[in-house]
C-alpha atoms as a PDB file:
ATOM      1  CA  MET A   1      67.594  88.876  91.881  1.00  0.00           C
ATOM      2  CA  GLY A   2      66.198  87.433  95.104  1.00  0.00           C
ATOM      3  CA  VAL A   3      67.778  86.550  98.412  1.00  0.00           C
ATOM      4  CA  VAL A   4      71.138  84.809  98.004  1.00  0.00           C
ATOM      5  CA  THR A   5      72.865  82.759 100.701  1.00  0.00           C
ATOM      6  CA  LEU A   6      76.408  81.447 100.465  1.00  0.00           C
ATOM      7  CA  LEU A   7      77.186  77.769 100.606  1.00  0.00           C
ATOM      8  CA  LYS A   8      79.317  77.020 103.643  1.00  0.00           C
ATOM      9  CA  LYS A   9      81.377  74.507 101.686  1.00  0.00           C
ATOM     10  CA  GLY A  10      84.301  76.336 100.133  1.00  0.00           C
ATOM     11  CA  SER A  11      83.691  79.574 102.004  1.00  0.00           C
ATOM     12  CA  ARG A  12      86.296  81.293 104.146  1.00  0.00           C
ATOM     13  CA  VAL A  13      85.839  83.142 107.419  1.00  0.00           C
ATOM     14  CA  LEU A  14      87.162  86.667 107.855  1.00  0.00           C
ATOM     15  CA  ASP A  15      87.015  89.124 110.759  1.00  0.00           C
ATOM     16  CA  VAL A  16      86.458  92.757 109.730  1.00  0.00           C
ATOM     17  CA  ASP A  17      86.390  95.333 112.519  1.00  0.00           C
ATOM     18  CA  GLY A  18      85.192  92.791 115.080  1.00  0.00           C
ATOM     19  CA  VAL A  19      82.469  91.265 112.868  1.00  0.00           C
ATOM     20  CA  THR A  20      82.827  87.783 111.361  1.00  0.00           C
ATOM     21  CA  TYR A  21      81.945  87.332 107.678  1.00  0.00           C
ATOM     22  CA  ARG A  22      82.055  84.393 105.309  1.00  0.00           C
ATOM     23  CA  TRP A  23      83.186  84.920 101.735  1.00  0.00           C
ATOM     24  CA  ARG A  24      83.422  82.681  98.718  1.00  0.00           C
ATOM     25  CA  LEU A  25      84.580  82.693  95.112  1.00  0.00           C
ATOM     26  CA  ARG A  26      82.593  81.057  92.365  1.00  0.00           C
ATOM     27  CA  GLY A  27      84.341  77.715  91.853  1.00  0.00           C
ATOM     28  CA  ARG A  28      83.845  77.249  88.137  1.00  0.00           C
ATOM     29  CA  PRO A  29      83.899  80.167  85.746  1.00  0.00           C
ATOM     30  CA  THR A  30      80.847  81.231  83.780  1.00  0.00           C
ATOM     31  CA  TYR A  31      81.255  81.026  80.002  1.00  0.00           C
ATOM     32  CA  VAL A  32      82.138  84.735  79.830  1.00  0.00           C
ATOM     33  CA  GLN A  33      84.697  84.356  82.648  1.00  0.00           C
ATOM     34  CA  GLY A  34      86.093  81.181  81.106  1.00  0.00           C
ATOM     35  CA  MET A  35      86.737  82.993  77.844  1.00  0.00           C
ATOM     36  CA  GLY A  36      88.446  85.830  79.725  1.00  0.00           C
ATOM     37  CA  TRP A  37      85.805  88.335  78.622  1.00  0.00           C
ATOM     38  CA  GLY A  38      84.395  89.068  82.073  1.00  0.00           C
ATOM     39  CA  PRO A  39      85.817  89.540  85.562  1.00  0.00           C
ATOM     40  CA  MET A  40      85.619  87.269  88.569  1.00  0.00           C
ATOM     41  CA  TYR A  41      83.117  87.857  91.387  1.00  0.00           C
ATOM     42  CA  PHE A  42      83.101  86.961  95.050  1.00  0.00           C
ATOM     43  CA  ALA A  43      80.310  87.041  97.614  1.00  0.00           C
ATOM     44  CA  ALA A  44      80.327  87.836 101.334  1.00  0.00           C
ATOM     45  CA  GLU A  45      77.800  87.762 104.160  1.00  0.00           C
ATOM     46  CA  LEU A  46      77.640  87.672 107.945  1.00  0.00           C
ATOM     47  CA  ALA A  47      78.930  84.332 109.183  1.00  0.00           C
ATOM     48  CA  ASP A  48      76.368  83.638 111.909  1.00  0.00           C
ATOM     49  CA  GLU A  49      73.175  85.421 110.857  1.00  0.00           C
ATOM     50  CA  PRO A  50      73.208  85.860 107.073  1.00  0.00           C
ATOM     51  CA  GLY A  51      71.077  88.694 105.766  1.00  0.00           C
ATOM     52  CA  ALA A  52      71.825  90.608 102.573  1.00  0.00           C
ATOM     53  CA  THR A  53      74.674  89.140 100.554  1.00  0.00           C
ATOM     54  CA  LEU A  54      77.428  91.326  99.135  1.00  0.00           C
ATOM     55  CA  ILE A  55      78.349  90.525  95.515  1.00  0.00           C
ATOM     56  CA  VAL A  56      81.664  92.058  94.423  1.00  0.00           C
ATOM     57  CA  GLU A  57      82.708  92.346  90.788  1.00  0.00           C
ATOM     58  CA  THR A  58      86.514  92.421  90.769  1.00  0.00           C
ATOM     59  CA  SER A  59      89.121  93.473  88.230  1.00  0.00           C
ATOM     60  CA  HIS A  60      90.589  89.946  88.326  1.00  0.00           C
ATOM     61  CA  THR A  61      90.428  87.285  85.644  1.00  0.00           C
ATOM     62  CA  HIS A  62      88.959  83.995  86.900  1.00  0.00           C
ATOM     63  CA  PRO A  63      91.875  81.630  87.696  1.00  0.00           C
ATOM     64  CA  SER A  64      90.124  78.740  85.928  1.00  0.00           C
ATOM     65  CA  ASN A  65      89.708  80.597  82.626  1.00  0.00           C
ATOM     66  CA  TRP A  66      90.074  78.424  79.545  1.00  0.00           C
ATOM     67  CA  VAL A  67      92.310  80.713  77.482  1.00  0.00           C
ATOM     68  CA  GLY A  68      95.357  80.876  79.734  1.00  0.00           C
ATOM     69  CA  GLU A  69      94.907  84.476  80.861  1.00  0.00           C
ATOM     70  CA  PRO A  70      97.064  85.195  83.925  1.00  0.00           C
ATOM     71  CA  ALA A  71      95.036  85.474  87.119  1.00  0.00           C
ATOM     72  CA  THR A  72      95.786  87.152  90.428  1.00  0.00           C
ATOM     73  CA  PRO A  73      94.251  85.590  93.549  1.00  0.00           C
ATOM     74  CA  ILE A  74      91.727  87.421  95.696  1.00  0.00           C
ATOM     75  CA  LEU A  75      93.418  88.021  99.042  1.00  0.00           C
ATOM     76  CA  PRO A  76      91.681  88.532 102.404  1.00  0.00           C
ATOM     77  CA  ALA A  77      92.905  92.156 102.485  1.00  0.00           C
ATOM     78  CA  GLU A  78      90.977  92.826  99.256  1.00  0.00           C
ATOM     79  CA  VAL A  79      87.839  91.216 100.688  1.00  0.00           C
ATOM     80  CA  THR A  80      88.201  93.322 103.853  1.00  0.00           C
ATOM     81  CA  LYS A  81      88.519  96.501 101.785  1.00  0.00           C
ATOM     82  CA  ALA A  82      85.459  95.566  99.703  1.00  0.00           C
ATOM     83  CA  ILE A  83      83.388  94.882 102.831  1.00  0.00           C
ATOM     84  CA  ARG A  84      84.360  98.250 104.323  1.00  0.00           C
ATOM     85  CA  THR A  85      83.575 100.013 101.019  1.00  0.00           C
ATOM     86  CA  ALA A  86      80.179  98.311 100.797  1.00  0.00           C
ATOM     87  CA  LEU A  87      79.311  99.168 104.401  1.00  0.00           C
ATOM     88  CA  ALA A  88      80.216 102.820 103.750  1.00  0.00           C
ATOM     89  CA  GLY A  89      78.091 102.662 100.583  1.00  0.00           C
ATOM     90  CA  GLY A  90      74.969 101.456 102.365  1.00  0.00           C
ATOM     91  CA  TRP A  91      75.216  97.660 102.549  1.00  0.00           C
ATOM     92  CA  ARG A  92      73.323  96.418 105.599  1.00  0.00           C
ATOM     93  CA  PRO A  93      74.462  92.792 105.994  1.00  0.00           C
ATOM     94  CA  ALA A  94      72.115  92.012 108.900  1.00  0.00           C
ATOM     95  CA  GLU A  95      68.989  92.996 106.937  1.00  0.00           C
ATOM     96  CA  ARG A  96      67.370  90.440 104.671  1.00  0.00           C
ATOM     97  CA  GLY A  97      66.811  91.560 101.123  1.00  0.00           C
ATOM     98  CA  LYS A  98      68.340  91.837  97.704  1.00  0.00           C
ATOM     99  CA  PRO A  99      72.073  91.334  97.283  1.00  0.00           C
ATOM    100  CA  PHE A 100      74.205  94.473  97.430  1.00  0.00           C
ATOM    101  CA  LEU A 101      76.284  94.801  94.255  1.00  0.00           C
ATOM    102  CA  LEU A 102      79.705  96.435  94.464  1.00  0.00           C
ATOM    103  CA  ASP A 103      81.534  97.070  91.185  1.00  0.00           C
ATOM    104  CA  LEU A 104      85.308  97.122  91.649  1.00  0.00           C
ATOM    105  CA  SER A 105      86.022  96.010  88.073  1.00  0.00           C
ATOM    106  CA  ALA A 106      87.758  99.204  86.930  1.00  0.00           C
ATOM    107  CA  GLY A 107      90.954  98.148  85.247  1.00  0.00           C
ATOM    108  CA  PHE A 108      89.677  94.753  84.041  1.00  0.00           C
ATOM    109  CA  LYS A 109      91.095  94.025  80.580  1.00  0.00           C
ATOM    110  CA  PRO A 110      89.122  91.424  78.577  1.00  0.00           C
ATOM    111  CA  ALA A 111      91.122  88.771  76.714  1.00  0.00           C
END
């Protein structure tokens, strides 16, 4: 996986400990997410000077799944917690490079 940059369209801005990040959910589900077999992801990066992107695998079902599985929204508090966890785990958002993957999918129950 190479360098990934978030699209500004559809992204949201969030301040975490005095640093501004942008984060975004995938708009349409992948086939696996649509069938309720796989969890939803979101991505985050520095708002002004994007470097390494954070990719977070959640325990949430994608809200646009095709099988009617109930979905819980990703809230800013969850994104903040994920960013802090990734930073503590070695994510360096100002450095260009491969995306940093953070697996928070424990508890995901496939359809």
